[in-house]
Amino acid sequence: MRKQQKTLKQKIVFFIVAALIALVAVLAAFGLSVNGKTYINSARNIRFGIDIKGGVSATFVPADSSITPTDEQLNSARTIIETRLDGKNILDRNVTVDSESNSILVEFPWSSDEKDYDPAAAIEELGETAELSFWLMNVDSEDGAATKSGDEPILTGARVTKSTAEYYDGKYVVALEFDDEGKKLFGDATSAHINDYIGIYMDETQINVAQVQDAITDGKAQISGSFTAAEAKDLAAKIQAGALPFGLTSTNFSSISATLGEGALNIMLDAGIIAFILICLFMLLYYRLPGFVACINLVLQIAGQLLIFSTLGLTMTLPGIAGIILAIGMSVDSNIIISETIKDELRNNKTVKGAVTGGFSRAFSAVMDCNITTGIVAVLLLIFGTGSMLSFGYTLLIGIIMNFCLGIICSKLMLTSLINFRGLAKPWLCGAKKVKGGAAND
């Protein structure tokens, strides 16, 4: 009786794993929304790169026409704009400096939910392009109104190297870090004005006022208050976005066409579907039961990557699609290695259950080596790469994790479960066939 119960539980495993994979596929296709609120984005919400969907081109110049920025300031502004785009996971972009015209050219793709394709509205996604400044403040004791004190700011946003929202000592705060010059300026100001107030301005718009409680001389400050998580994140983003050496304004903007031409995405989708069908037919005909499991695993691989990519809000470029294809190829390769090892076990007259167990065990080291070495390459791309290279690195790394941490485990669970069905525990269904003498062989 216990043996029958154990066998029944093992049989059920296949249907549980298959149902979970089907759930991932449904979420990838349709997302999850309840009462109009979206909790999980579908693959349709993936932002496609300029090469696939086209995008926006905008030229930015100093808002104050009397300013003649140096090359160092222009490059600093370019770096901050790139950092801002990275923070929004806009991986496919071109940000170039034109020193002769003192301008910065920015090209980035349309957002996934863009309907009007209005360049003027799209560039607002870059956030505030005003100049950030820190001022000593006069605070009215009666109504609490705060106004600037003096004619010069303590320091500008150019001295801010990092601004993040953090949870500290039971409340949300905004943590700031300054460069060496900013460390000295802020340290001098806070040392001389303990219990006074410092205000943060975006051009002439006041975005925060905080009281100085201690002298801050280590180049690291915290803005505390009754922030919610969203408010702290918003303030941190504004400060980080405003860390420009000067205010910027857009002089012109326009739409740019997809570099691959109209319909390129549909062509790639059609090619992907055809390739998926051909791969599944090969796996089913040549490896049979392990091939069937590999096909289900491929659904997990593709749906999982698309779901993670859309959830993280990353930009899908042509190199990114290449990363998905490479990861899928590695998944197929892993399943082929396992299937061939199972066949090899059957040649040695192992039972089907023994061959499956031994096949996964023997193939593990080869599969692990392949995934780890490729994963290292993906990590290096994420560390040192920029723009569309990041898209390739993300899809490749996500694919490796999906394959090694989930795909192999799911394949083993499903195949081990299926061979508990009497009609499926046959050597020929594992890619081998019976020969004279009863041995299992090709």
Protein backbone atom coordinates (compact mmCIF):
# COMPACT_ATOMS: atom_id res chain seq x y z
CA MET A 1 0.00 0.00 0.00
CA ARG A 2 2.78 2.42 0.92
CA LYS A 3 4.56 1.63 -2.35
CA GLN A 4 1.38 2.39 -4.30
CA GLN A 5 0.92 5.69 -2.46
CA LYS A 6 4.55 6.64 -3.13
CA THR A 7 4.14 5.78 -6.82
CA LEU A 8 0.92 7.84 -6.99
CA LYS A 9 2.65 10.85 -5.48
CA GLN A 10 5.50 10.52 -7.97
CA LYS A 11 3.02 10.37 -10.86
CA ILE A 12 1.30 13.54 -9.69
CA VAL A 13 4.59 15.48 -9.73
CA PHE A 14 4.54 15.75 -13.54
CA PHE A 15 1.11 17.39 -13.57
CA ILE A 16 2.06 19.83 -10.78
CA VAL A 17 5.24 20.93 -12.56
CA ALA A 18 3.46 21.13 -15.93
CA ALA A 19 0.68 23.23 -14.36
CA LEU A 20 3.22 25.65 -12.86
CA ILE A 21 4.96 25.99 -16.23
CA ALA A 22 1.57 26.62 -17.87
CA LEU A 23 0.91 29.33 -15.25
CA VAL A 24 4.22 31.02 -16.09
CA ALA A 25 3.30 30.91 -19.79
CA VAL A 26 -0.14 32.43 -19.13
CA LEU A 27 1.35 35.21 -16.99
CA ALA A 28 3.94 35.94 -19.68
CA ALA A 29 1.20 36.14 -22.32
CA PHE A 30 -1.45 38.09 -20.39
CA GLY A 31 0.12 39.42 -17.17
CA LEU A 32 -1.89 39.78 -13.95
CA SER A 33 -4.30 42.62 -13.28
CA VAL A 34 -6.90 42.89 -10.52
CA ASN A 35 -9.50 45.68 -10.46
CA GLY A 36 -7.51 47.68 -12.97
CA LYS A 37 -4.26 47.43 -11.00
CA THR A 38 -1.40 45.61 -12.73
CA TYR A 39 0.68 43.32 -10.55
CA ILE A 40 2.58 41.46 -13.27
CA ASN A 41 3.28 42.88 -16.74
CA SER A 42 2.82 40.67 -19.77
CA ALA A 43 5.37 40.22 -22.54
CA ARG A 44 3.38 42.78 -24.51
CA ASN A 45 4.68 45.42 -22.09
CA ILE A 46 8.31 44.80 -22.99
CA ARG A 47 10.04 47.93 -24.22
CA PHE A 48 11.69 47.29 -27.59
CA GLY A 49 14.86 49.05 -28.69
CA ILE A 50 15.36 51.62 -31.40
CA ASP A 51 16.50 48.91 -33.79
CA ILE A 52 13.13 47.14 -33.52
CA LYS A 53 10.52 49.82 -32.79
CA GLY A 54 12.18 53.19 -33.36
CA GLY A 55 12.24 55.99 -30.82
CA VAL A 56 12.93 59.63 -30.05
CA SER A 57 15.84 61.94 -30.81
CA ALA A 58 16.34 65.07 -28.70
CA THR A 59 19.06 67.72 -28.52
CA PHE A 60 19.78 69.29 -25.12
CA VAL A 61 21.66 72.56 -24.54
CA PRO A 62 22.29 74.66 -21.39
CA ALA A 63 19.07 76.35 -20.26
CA ASP A 64 21.08 79.52 -19.55
CA SER A 65 22.33 80.69 -22.95
CA SER A 66 25.07 82.74 -21.28
CA ILE A 67 26.76 79.53 -20.06
CA THR A 68 29.56 78.09 -22.17
CA PRO A 69 30.11 74.61 -20.72
CA THR A 70 33.51 72.97 -20.74
CA ASP A 71 34.07 69.55 -22.29
CA GLU A 72 34.33 68.13 -18.76
CA GLN A 73 30.92 69.55 -17.83
CA LEU A 74 29.32 68.26 -21.03
CA ASN A 75 30.76 64.79 -20.44
CA SER A 76 29.56 64.94 -16.83
CA ALA A 77 26.05 65.81 -18.03
CA ARG A 78 26.20 62.97 -20.56
CA THR A 79 27.21 60.50 -17.82
CA ILE A 80 24.35 61.63 -15.59
CA ILE A 81 21.83 61.29 -18.43
CA GLU A 82 23.14 57.78 -19.15
CA THR A 83 22.88 56.90 -15.45
CA ARG A 84 19.32 58.21 -15.45
CA LEU A 85 18.48 56.04 -18.46
CA ASP A 86 20.11 53.04 -16.78
CA GLY A 87 17.94 53.68 -13.72
CA LYS A 88 14.87 53.45 -15.95
CA ASN A 89 16.28 50.24 -17.55
CA ILE A 90 16.41 51.98 -20.96
CA LEU A 91 19.32 49.93 -22.25
CA ASP A 92 19.18 50.84 -25.93
CA ARG A 93 20.16 54.49 -26.27
CA ASN A 94 22.73 56.80 -27.80
CA VAL A 95 24.01 59.75 -25.79
CA THR A 96 26.67 61.80 -27.58
CA VAL A 97 28.33 65.14 -26.90
CA ASP A 98 28.80 67.79 -29.57
CA SER A 99 31.48 70.11 -28.17
CA GLU A 100 31.24 72.54 -31.09
CA SER A 101 27.56 73.34 -30.50
CA ASN A 102 27.72 72.75 -26.72
CA SER A 103 24.90 70.24 -26.96
CA ILE A 104 24.06 66.66 -26.05
CA LEU A 105 22.19 64.40 -28.48
CA VAL A 106 20.01 61.75 -26.83
CA GLU A 107 18.29 58.92 -28.70
CA PHE A 108 16.15 56.35 -26.89
CA PRO A 109 13.26 53.98 -27.77
CA TRP A 110 9.55 54.51 -27.30
CA SER A 111 8.04 53.21 -24.07
CA SER A 112 6.07 49.97 -24.33
CA ASP A 113 2.71 51.72 -23.72
CA GLU A 114 3.32 54.58 -26.18
CA LYS A 115 0.23 55.24 -28.29
CA ASP A 116 0.47 58.81 -29.56
CA TYR A 117 4.18 58.63 -30.43
CA ASP A 118 4.65 62.24 -29.36
CA PRO A 119 8.39 63.06 -29.06
CA ALA A 120 7.71 66.09 -26.83
CA ALA A 121 5.85 63.94 -24.30
CA ALA A 122 8.38 61.12 -24.56
CA ILE A 123 11.38 63.24 -23.52
CA GLU A 124 9.61 64.01 -20.23
CA GLU A 125 10.50 60.43 -19.27
CA LEU A 126 14.10 61.58 -18.90
CA GLY A 127 12.98 63.46 -15.80
CA GLU A 128 13.93 66.90 -14.59
CA THR A 129 16.74 68.54 -16.55
CA ALA A 130 16.97 71.51 -14.23
CA GLU A 131 19.93 72.44 -12.03
CA LEU A 132 19.89 71.21 -8.46
CA SER A 133 21.18 73.47 -5.64
CA PHE A 134 21.43 73.43 -1.83
CA TRP A 135 20.68 76.66 0.08
CA LEU A 136 20.68 77.88 3.67
CA MET A 137 17.11 78.76 4.59
CA ASN A 138 15.23 81.28 6.68
CA VAL A 139 12.21 79.63 8.31
CA ASP A 140 9.33 81.78 9.61
CA SER A 141 8.58 80.72 13.19
CA GLU A 142 4.86 81.48 12.77
CA ASP A 143 3.79 79.88 9.52
CA GLY A 144 6.86 77.72 8.86
CA ALA A 145 7.46 79.27 5.43
CA ALA A 146 11.03 78.71 4.24
CA THR A 147 12.90 81.12 1.95
CA LYS A 148 16.45 81.22 0.62
CA SER A 149 19.11 82.91 2.74
CA GLY A 150 21.87 84.66 0.81
CA ASP A 151 22.66 85.03 -2.86
CA GLU A 152 24.73 81.92 -3.41
CA PRO A 153 23.93 78.23 -2.85
CA ILE A 154 26.00 76.08 -0.52
CA LEU A 155 26.71 73.75 -3.42
CA THR A 156 25.09 72.48 -6.62
CA GLY A 157 23.86 69.08 -7.69
CA ALA A 158 27.10 68.56 -9.61
CA ARG A 159 28.71 67.72 -6.25
CA VAL A 160 26.22 64.89 -5.55
CA THR A 161 27.60 61.51 -6.58
CA LYS A 162 24.78 59.30 -5.29
CA SER A 163 21.21 59.66 -4.03
CA THR A 164 19.19 56.63 -2.90
CA ALA A 165 16.06 55.88 -0.88
CA GLU A 166 16.79 53.62 2.11
CA TYR A 167 15.01 52.15 5.11
CA TYR A 168 16.91 53.08 8.26
CA ASP A 169 16.04 52.82 11.93
CA GLY A 170 12.37 52.12 11.22
CA LYS A 171 11.75 54.88 8.70
CA TYR A 172 12.42 55.82 5.09
CA VAL A 173 15.26 58.25 4.45
CA VAL A 174 17.13 59.66 1.46
CA ALA A 175 20.87 58.97 1.60
CA LEU A 176 23.24 61.38 -0.16
CA GLU A 177 26.91 61.09 -1.03
CA PHE A 178 29.10 64.00 -2.18
CA ASP A 179 32.37 64.21 -4.08
CA ASP A 180 35.50 65.60 -2.37
CA GLU A 181 34.64 69.24 -3.01
CA GLY A 182 31.02 68.71 -2.02
CA LYS A 183 32.14 66.91 1.15
CA LYS A 184 34.12 70.00 2.23
CA LEU A 185 31.44 72.53 1.26
CA PHE A 186 28.63 70.59 2.93
CA GLY A 187 30.78 69.86 5.98
CA ASP A 188 31.61 73.55 6.46
CA ALA A 189 27.97 74.60 6.05
CA THR A 190 26.53 72.02 8.45
CA SER A 191 29.26 72.62 11.04
CA ALA A 192 28.45 76.34 11.10
CA HIS A 193 24.65 75.98 10.98
CA ILE A 194 23.59 73.22 13.37
CA ASN A 195 19.79 73.47 14.04
CA ASP A 196 19.40 75.72 10.99
CA TYR A 197 17.70 74.60 7.80
CA ILE A 198 18.98 73.63 4.35
CA GLY A 199 16.69 73.65 1.34
CA ILE A 200 17.02 71.77 -1.94
CA TYR A 201 15.91 73.51 -5.11
CA MET A 202 15.38 72.35 -8.68
CA ASP A 203 15.99 75.65 -10.46
CA GLU A 204 13.56 77.91 -8.54
CA THR A 205 11.31 75.08 -7.33
CA GLN A 206 11.76 74.04 -3.71
CA ILE A 207 11.66 70.25 -3.42
CA ASN A 208 12.73 69.74 0.22
CA VAL A 209 13.73 71.54 3.41
CA ALA A 210 15.53 69.72 6.23
CA GLN A 211 16.97 70.78 9.59
CA VAL A 212 20.68 70.32 10.27
CA GLN A 213 20.97 68.14 13.38
CA ASP A 214 24.73 67.44 13.32
CA ALA A 215 27.86 68.51 11.49
CA ILE A 216 28.19 66.27 8.44
CA THR A 217 31.85 66.05 7.50
CA ASP A 218 32.21 62.54 6.02
CA GLY A 219 30.53 63.34 2.70
CA LYS A 220 27.45 61.26 3.54
CA ALA A 221 24.14 62.76 4.62
CA GLN A 222 20.63 61.56 5.35
CA ILE A 223 17.40 63.44 4.76
CA SER A 224 14.84 62.10 7.21
CA GLY A 225 11.19 62.95 7.80
CA SER A 226 7.76 61.39 7.55
CA PHE A 227 8.50 59.91 4.13
CA THR A 228 6.58 57.04 2.62
CA ALA A 229 8.59 54.60 0.51
CA ALA A 230 7.28 56.25 -2.68
CA GLU A 231 8.06 59.78 -1.43
CA ALA A 232 11.62 58.85 -0.44
CA LYS A 233 12.19 57.17 -3.78
CA ASP A 234 10.78 60.15 -5.67
CA LEU A 235 12.95 62.65 -3.79
CA ALA A 236 16.07 60.51 -4.26
CA ALA A 237 15.33 60.27 -7.99
CA LYS A 238 14.89 64.04 -8.29
CA ILE A 239 18.18 64.72 -6.52
CA GLN A 240 20.01 62.14 -8.63
CA ALA A 241 18.42 63.49 -11.79
CA GLY A 242 19.31 67.04 -10.83
CA ALA A 243 22.99 66.32 -10.33
CA LEU A 244 23.72 68.11 -13.59
CA PRO A 245 26.46 70.73 -13.78
CA PHE A 246 23.91 73.10 -15.35
CA GLY A 247 20.25 73.13 -16.31
CA LEU A 248 19.33 71.65 -19.69
CA THR A 249 16.58 72.41 -22.15
CA SER A 250 15.56 70.62 -25.33
CA THR A 251 15.96 72.71 -28.48
CA ASN A 252 14.50 70.16 -30.89
CA PHE A 253 13.14 66.65 -30.87
CA SER A 254 11.87 64.22 -33.48
CA SER A 255 10.86 60.62 -34.08
CA ILE A 256 13.34 58.12 -35.49
CA SER A 257 12.41 55.01 -37.44
CA ALA A 258 13.31 51.46 -36.51
CA THR A 259 16.74 50.67 -37.96
CA LEU A 260 15.56 47.19 -38.96
CA GLY A 261 12.55 48.57 -40.80
CA GLU A 262 8.81 48.18 -40.29
CA GLY A 263 7.57 44.65 -39.59
CA ALA A 264 10.95 43.40 -38.36
CA LEU A 265 9.45 42.32 -35.03
CA ASN A 266 6.70 40.28 -36.71
CA ILE A 267 9.27 38.59 -38.93
CA MET A 268 11.38 37.68 -35.89
CA LEU A 269 8.32 36.32 -34.08
CA ASP A 270 7.36 34.17 -37.07
CA ALA A 271 10.92 32.87 -37.36
CA GLY A 272 10.97 32.10 -33.63
CA ILE A 273 7.71 30.14 -33.78
CA ILE A 274 8.92 28.10 -36.78
CA ALA A 275 12.25 27.39 -35.08
CA PHE A 276 10.46 26.33 -31.86
CA ILE A 277 8.23 23.91 -33.79
CA LEU A 278 11.18 22.39 -35.68
CA ILE A 279 13.22 21.96 -32.48
CA CYS A 280 10.28 20.29 -30.73
CA LEU A 281 9.70 17.94 -33.67
CA PHE A 282 13.37 16.92 -33.64
CA MET A 283 13.38 16.33 -29.88
CA LEU A 284 10.14 14.35 -29.99
CA LEU A 285 11.13 12.15 -32.92
CA TYR A 286 14.71 11.47 -31.84
CA TYR A 287 14.52 11.41 -28.03
CA ARG A 288 10.80 10.68 -27.54
CA LEU A 289 9.88 10.90 -23.85
CA PRO A 290 12.92 12.99 -22.77
CA GLY A 291 12.28 15.08 -25.89
CA PHE A 292 8.67 15.64 -24.82
CA VAL A 293 9.87 16.84 -21.42
CA ALA A 294 12.48 19.06 -23.13
CA CYS A 295 9.71 20.73 -25.18
CA ILE A 296 7.78 21.59 -22.02
CA ASN A 297 11.01 22.86 -20.51
CA LEU A 298 11.53 25.11 -23.54
CA VAL A 299 8.13 26.70 -22.87
CA LEU A 300 9.34 27.49 -19.34
CA GLN A 301 12.61 28.86 -20.70
CA ILE A 302 10.98 31.23 -23.21
CA ALA A 303 8.00 32.30 -21.08
CA GLY A 304 10.17 32.75 -17.99
CA GLN A 305 12.66 34.98 -19.76
CA LEU A 306 9.94 37.17 -21.28
CA LEU A 307 8.10 37.41 -17.95
CA ILE A 308 11.22 38.43 -16.02
CA PHE A 309 12.23 40.92 -18.72
CA SER A 310 8.81 42.60 -18.74
CA THR A 311 8.57 42.61 -14.92
CA LEU A 312 11.98 44.29 -14.59
CA GLY A 313 11.08 46.79 -17.30
CA LEU A 314 14.22 46.09 -19.33
CA THR A 315 14.67 47.10 -22.96
CA MET A 316 14.62 44.32 -25.55
CA THR A 317 17.04 44.99 -28.39
CA LEU A 318 18.27 42.85 -31.27
CA PRO A 319 21.33 41.77 -29.20
CA GLY A 320 18.89 40.97 -26.39
CA ILE A 321 16.93 38.68 -28.67
CA ALA A 322 20.25 37.06 -29.64
CA GLY A 323 20.84 36.45 -25.92
CA ILE A 324 17.46 34.70 -25.62
CA ILE A 325 18.23 32.55 -28.66
CA LEU A 326 21.64 31.60 -27.25
CA ALA A 327 20.12 30.75 -23.87
CA ILE A 328 17.43 28.62 -25.53
CA GLY A 329 20.11 26.87 -27.57
CA MET A 330 21.98 26.08 -24.35
CA SER A 331 18.77 24.74 -22.82
CA VAL A 332 18.28 22.43 -25.81
CA ASP A 333 21.94 21.44 -25.60
CA SER A 334 21.57 20.57 -21.91
CA ASN A 335 18.55 18.39 -22.62
CA ILE A 336 20.39 16.65 -25.48
CA ILE A 337 23.35 15.91 -23.20
CA ILE A 338 21.00 14.45 -20.59
CA SER A 339 19.03 12.44 -23.18
CA GLU A 340 22.19 11.00 -24.73
CA THR A 341 23.53 10.07 -21.30
CA ILE A 342 20.26 8.28 -20.51
CA LYS A 343 20.60 6.33 -23.76
CA ASP A 344 24.16 5.48 -22.81
CA GLU A 345 22.93 4.15 -19.47
CA LEU A 346 20.36 2.01 -21.27
CA ARG A 347 23.12 0.53 -23.44
CA ASN A 348 24.67 -0.75 -20.23
CA ASN A 349 21.47 -2.71 -19.50
CA LYS A 350 20.23 -0.32 -16.81
CA THR A 351 16.52 -0.24 -16.07
CA VAL A 352 14.66 2.80 -17.33
CA LYS A 353 14.46 4.28 -13.82
CA GLY A 354 18.12 3.54 -13.21
CA ALA A 355 19.06 5.03 -16.60
CA VAL A 356 17.15 8.26 -15.92
CA THR A 357 18.67 8.66 -12.46
CA GLY A 358 22.16 7.83 -13.72
CA GLY A 359 21.75 9.98 -16.82
CA PHE A 360 20.94 13.15 -14.89
CA SER A 361 23.71 12.41 -12.38
CA ARG A 362 26.41 11.83 -15.02
CA ALA A 363 25.31 14.75 -17.23
CA PHE A 364 25.18 17.26 -14.39
CA SER A 365 28.88 18.19 -14.39
CA ALA A 366 28.95 18.83 -18.16
CA VAL A 367 25.77 20.91 -18.02
CA MET A 368 27.07 22.86 -15.01
CA ASP A 369 30.42 23.66 -16.69
CA CYS A 370 28.69 24.95 -19.81
CA ASN A 371 26.25 27.15 -17.89
CA ILE A 372 28.79 28.56 -15.43
CA THR A 373 31.31 29.57 -18.10
CA THR A 374 28.61 31.26 -20.17
CA GLY A 375 27.17 32.86 -17.03
CA ILE A 376 30.57 34.40 -16.25
CA VAL A 377 30.59 36.02 -19.69
CA ALA A 378 27.08 37.42 -19.08
CA VAL A 379 28.12 38.87 -15.71
CA LEU A 380 31.19 40.52 -17.25
CA LEU A 381 28.97 42.09 -19.92
CA LEU A 382 26.71 43.53 -17.21
CA ILE A 383 29.70 44.91 -15.29
CA PHE A 384 31.60 46.45 -18.18
CA GLY A 385 28.97 46.76 -20.91
CA THR A 386 26.66 49.66 -21.74
CA GLY A 387 23.60 50.21 -23.89
CA SER A 388 22.49 47.28 -26.04
CA MET A 389 25.30 45.10 -24.65
CA LEU A 390 23.46 45.21 -21.33
CA SER A 391 20.34 43.88 -23.04
CA PHE A 392 22.34 40.92 -24.36
CA GLY A 393 23.94 40.37 -20.94
CA TYR A 394 20.60 40.45 -19.11
CA THR A 395 18.82 38.02 -21.45
CA LEU A 396 21.78 35.66 -21.47
CA LEU A 397 22.16 35.68 -17.67
CA ILE A 398 18.41 35.30 -17.09
CA GLY A 399 18.40 32.41 -19.57
CA ILE A 400 21.32 30.71 -17.83
CA ILE A 401 19.63 31.01 -14.44
CA MET A 402 16.34 29.75 -15.86
CA ASN A 403 18.07 26.78 -17.49
CA PHE A 404 20.40 25.75 -14.68
CA CYS A 405 18.34 26.57 -11.60
CA LEU A 406 14.87 25.73 -12.92
CA GLY A 407 15.01 23.99 -16.29
CA ILE A 408 17.21 21.04 -15.29
CA ILE A 409 15.30 20.53 -12.03
CA CYS A 410 11.93 20.64 -13.79
CA SER A 411 13.13 18.24 -16.50
CA LYS A 412 14.29 15.75 -13.88
CA LEU A 413 11.08 16.01 -11.86
CA MET A 414 8.85 15.55 -14.92
CA LEU A 415 10.80 12.71 -16.50
CA THR A 416 11.21 10.86 -13.19
CA SER A 417 7.48 11.23 -12.66
CA LEU A 418 6.47 10.04 -16.13
CA ILE A 419 8.46 6.79 -15.99
CA ASN A 420 6.34 5.75 -13.00
CA PHE A 421 3.52 5.17 -15.48
CA ARG A 422 3.83 1.56 -16.55
CA GLY A 423 3.23 2.21 -20.23
CA LEU A 424 5.93 4.90 -20.35
CA ALA A 425 8.75 3.04 -18.59
CA LYS A 426 10.08 1.55 -21.82
CA PRO A 427 13.61 1.88 -23.24
CA TRP A 428 12.45 2.80 -26.74
CA LEU A 429 10.51 5.77 -25.31
CA CYS A 430 13.82 7.06 -23.96
CA GLY A 431 15.41 6.99 -27.40
CA ALA A 432 16.72 3.40 -27.27
CA LYS A 433 15.37 0.14 -28.63
CA LYS A 434 15.52 -3.46 -27.64
CA VAL A 435 18.00 -5.68 -29.48
CA LYS A 436 18.49 -9.45 -29.44
CA GLY A 437 19.58 -10.64 -26.06
CA GLY A 438 17.37 -8.11 -24.29
CA ALA A 439 19.88 -5.26 -24.06
CA ALA A 440 18.78 -1.72 -24.56
CA ASN A 441 20.52 -0.08 -27.50
CA ASP A 442 20.15 2.56 -30.21
